[in-house]
Amino acid sequence: MANEHEWNFGPVDGKNKDGLIGVVTAVHWQLVVTDEDENTVRHIGVQTLGEPDPGNFEARLQVPGATPEEVQTQRRGWLGEDFISQRETAIDLALAAQLEAEEAQVFREP
């Protein structure tokens, strides 16, 4: 069974930049990974975003009328699926390594 990945996106950092208003510069995120035995690890981070394209720019600090799900989807999109996939893989591996190390300590003979 594959690990369950639960993403939550918190506030964003933003500023006015180069004549553009509402430039999102970073996304705060949390990833909770749970394995089939209910072992859980939580990873929290902040990801900075690239420079905006002035020719294709839309102010993104506030989305009037957006549902919480729409906001989460939007922020996930800002990070990109490559980032999401890489984080999930890294945390899956870290959880497995931690459990393996704990298991080795429990069964180590003197």
Protein backbone atom coordinates (compact mmCIF):
# COMPACT_ATOMS: atom_id res chain seq x y z
CA MET A 1 0.00 0.00 0.00
CA ALA A 2 1.30 3.46 -0.88
CA ASN A 3 1.76 6.18 1.68
CA GLU A 4 -0.98 8.76 2.07
CA HIS A 5 0.10 12.35 1.36
CA GLU A 6 -1.89 15.25 2.77
CA TRP A 7 -0.86 18.73 1.65
CA ASN A 8 -1.93 21.93 3.39
CA PHE A 9 -0.94 25.33 2.11
CA GLY A 10 -0.81 28.24 4.50
CA PRO A 11 -0.26 31.92 3.93
CA VAL A 12 1.69 33.35 1.06
CA ASP A 13 4.31 36.07 1.13
CA GLY A 14 3.89 38.82 -1.40
CA LYS A 15 4.86 42.32 -2.39
CA ASN A 16 4.60 44.90 -5.10
CA LYS A 17 7.51 44.52 -7.50
CA ASP A 18 8.64 46.22 -10.68
CA GLY A 19 5.31 48.01 -11.08
CA LEU A 20 3.29 44.82 -10.48
CA ILE A 21 0.90 44.69 -7.53
CA GLY A 22 0.26 41.51 -5.56
CA VAL A 23 3.28 39.45 -6.57
CA VAL A 24 3.39 36.17 -4.62
CA THR A 25 6.99 35.51 -3.63
CA ALA A 26 6.67 32.43 -1.38
CA VAL A 27 4.18 29.74 -0.35
CA HIS A 28 4.10 28.22 3.15
CA TRP A 29 3.24 24.52 3.10
CA GLN A 30 2.87 21.41 5.23
CA LEU A 31 3.03 17.79 4.09
CA VAL A 32 1.76 14.99 6.34
CA VAL A 33 2.73 11.47 5.24
CA THR A 34 1.09 8.39 6.79
CA ASP A 35 2.12 4.82 5.98
CA GLU A 36 0.01 1.66 6.08
CA ASP A 37 0.87 1.11 9.78
CA GLU A 38 -0.34 4.63 10.67
CA ASN A 39 3.21 5.95 11.22
CA THR A 40 3.11 9.65 10.46
CA VAL A 41 5.67 12.31 9.68
CA ARG A 42 4.94 16.02 9.23
CA HIS A 43 7.20 18.28 7.17
CA ILE A 44 6.78 22.05 7.07
CA GLY A 45 8.43 24.45 4.66
CA VAL A 46 8.38 27.65 2.68
CA GLN A 47 9.06 27.64 -1.06
CA THR A 48 10.08 30.78 -2.86
CA LEU A 49 8.63 31.31 -6.31
CA GLY A 50 10.30 32.52 -9.47
CA GLU A 51 10.11 35.97 -10.93
CA PRO A 52 6.74 37.00 -12.39
CA ASP A 53 6.26 37.39 -16.12
CA PRO A 54 5.02 40.99 -16.60
CA GLY A 55 3.39 40.00 -19.91
CA ASN A 56 1.35 37.25 -18.29
CA PHE A 57 0.75 38.52 -14.77
CA GLU A 58 -2.33 38.29 -12.58
CA ALA A 59 -2.33 39.59 -9.00
CA ARG A 60 -2.60 36.53 -6.79
CA LEU A 61 -2.43 37.61 -3.16
CA GLN A 62 -6.19 37.46 -2.68
CA VAL A 63 -8.77 35.47 -4.59
CA PRO A 64 -12.17 37.03 -3.83
CA GLY A 65 -14.87 34.43 -3.37
CA ALA A 66 -12.53 31.44 -3.69
CA THR A 67 -13.40 28.35 -1.67
CA PRO A 68 -10.71 26.86 0.62
CA GLU A 69 -10.32 23.99 -1.86
CA GLU A 70 -9.77 26.42 -4.74
CA VAL A 71 -7.13 28.28 -2.74
CA GLN A 72 -5.34 24.99 -1.93
CA THR A 73 -5.44 23.97 -5.61
CA GLN A 74 -4.12 27.36 -6.70
CA ARG A 75 -1.19 27.24 -4.26
CA ARG A 76 -0.37 23.67 -5.22
CA GLY A 77 -0.26 24.84 -8.83
CA TRP A 78 2.15 27.64 -7.97
CA LEU A 79 4.57 25.07 -6.52
CA GLY A 80 4.19 22.75 -9.51
CA GLU A 81 3.80 19.00 -9.75
CA ASP A 82 7.58 18.42 -9.97
CA PHE A 83 8.05 20.07 -6.57
CA ILE A 84 5.09 18.15 -5.10
CA SER A 85 6.35 14.80 -6.43
CA GLN A 86 9.94 15.39 -5.30
CA ARG A 87 8.83 16.37 -1.77
CA GLU A 88 6.54 13.35 -1.46
CA THR A 89 9.30 10.98 -2.57
CA ALA A 90 11.86 12.56 -0.22
CA ILE A 91 9.54 12.36 2.79
CA ASP A 92 8.50 8.78 1.93
CA LEU A 93 12.18 7.78 1.91
CA ALA A 94 12.89 9.66 5.14
CA LEU A 95 9.97 7.96 6.90
CA ALA A 96 11.11 4.52 5.72
CA ALA A 97 14.69 5.19 6.84
CA GLN A 98 13.53 6.42 10.25
CA LEU A 99 11.37 3.34 10.79
CA GLU A 100 14.19 1.06 9.65
CA ALA A 101 16.61 2.71 12.09
CA GLU A 102 14.11 2.40 14.95
CA GLU A 103 13.49 -1.25 14.11
CA ALA A 104 17.25 -1.97 14.06
CA GLN A 105 17.61 -0.44 17.54
CA VAL A 106 14.73 -2.48 18.95
CA PHE A 107 16.10 -5.81 17.68
CA ARG A 108 19.80 -5.17 18.29
CA GLU A 109 21.37 -7.79 20.55
CA PRO A 110 23.95 -6.73 23.16
